[in-house]
Amino acid sequence: MKNKNKPLVGSGNKTAALSLSATGTQHKQVHILNKSIPQMTINSDSISEKKANDWPTQGWKTSTPEAQGMNSAGLAKMLEVFRDQQVHSVAVIRNGHLVAEAYNESTQADLPQDVKSVTKSVTSALIGIALSERKLISLDQRLAAFFPELESDPLKSKIMLKHLLNMTSGLAWNNENEQSSTEMMYSSDWVQNVLERPAKNQPGAMFNYSNGDAHLLSAVLQKVTGESMFDYAKSRLFEPLGITDVNWNHDPGGCTIGAWALALTLRDMAKIGYLYLKEGQWEDKTIFPKSWVRESVTKRIFLNYSNGTQGGYGYYWWSKPLAQGLVRGSKKQHEVFYASGSGGRRIFVVPDLQLVVAATAHSADVDMPEQLLNQVVQAIRSDKPIQENSDAFAGLGQAIEAFKMGLK
């Protein structure tokens, strides 16, 4: 594995930026669902018919937007709107083709970028892989099976892996000014710091966004696999997808940071989204079963966001419906699920539209990433190729160059 970028939160580096841990998603009200719920339908094309060279393992196939039913002018407009909103990079994938990508002067295609809490969605993927390999038996396994010292606590002894995956462990975690993340980072033993936190609620009863929960899952994976989560990810996830320029830091005890500290190139972020679009299949290999994708993106926590929209949280993946009327000629309710990191890091997946959008940013506007996605969706004209437009395509090229230069 190449390791070009500097460590994000290196072993013993206790002064790293605390913003690494925030998701950038704000909500007002939370509802937890404790009963069977319908699953999102994911409509991918026939995987068995795709040849190995159709997959982006060695690199994305490129295409004009029009050949994939999109409008070059619409994508150019998106870049013009967001180039001065602290967006660092954006890539648009439709039907398995890279139809547009743009980078500002701070980054480039081959440079791994700090994806912040998008890391958690990759941690979730690795939990799914471990389940498929029977290294983990079930999400109903109790955390105390891996940390027996929890057995004596009446609440902590009830924490299951599924509670860690949907942020309902009940362990105390204060997100105000990143207080608990700071305490964890300044401790000599991050895992023990989380385990020793008081249990405030019954497991499964209350959603509380927690970097500690995600880090405990990394510790569990290390116990059951006998290797760090990063090493496990290299062989089970990154290498099959052709992801080589990657870095993932660890805590002072050598445990891969489960909540943040992963760095990926933008194109490799898009590969993660495409893997989920293809229901865990990559070439002729099943990375994780399609059932894991559905479990991961199914809403278990229902959220009312500060901008008045509604969505949900599954296993470290967020989901919500696209705004009505965005998709030209369609009255259907289209769902998007996404990985989210603070500042505007996102991997959006819209299965109905065969669309993946990856973006990095450093913005305080929590609504900006969704607005960017909306602009991309509005550029869709058809499920089939549309008439090529050389002038519009040239305009898109100019918009990409202006984005790089930061021109207004």
Foldseek 3Di string as FASTA:
>chain_A
DDAPDDFQQAAVNLPHDLQLQDQLFFFDDKDFDDDDDDFDDFDDPDLVPDAQVLAQLVHFAADAQLQQQFFLLLLLVLLVVCLPQQWAKKWKAFPRHTHDIFGAQVDDQLDWDWLRQLLLVVLLLVVLLCCVVVLDVDQQDQLCVVVVVQCVPPQNRRAGNQLLQQQQSQFDADPVVRVLVSVLSPDLHNLVSRVPGDRHDHRSPDHDDDQNSQLSSQVVVCVSVVHAPVVVCVVLPCNLSNFDHKDFHDYNVRHTRRRTRIIGGQVVLQSVLVCLSVQQDRRPDRSGHSVSSRQQAGFRMWGQGPVRAIWGGGRQKTKGWQDAPLAPPDRDTWMWIWHGRPQQFIWIHTSVRSMTMGIDGRHSDSCVNSVSVSSRNSRRRDSRRDDDDVVSNVSSVVSSVCSHHSHD
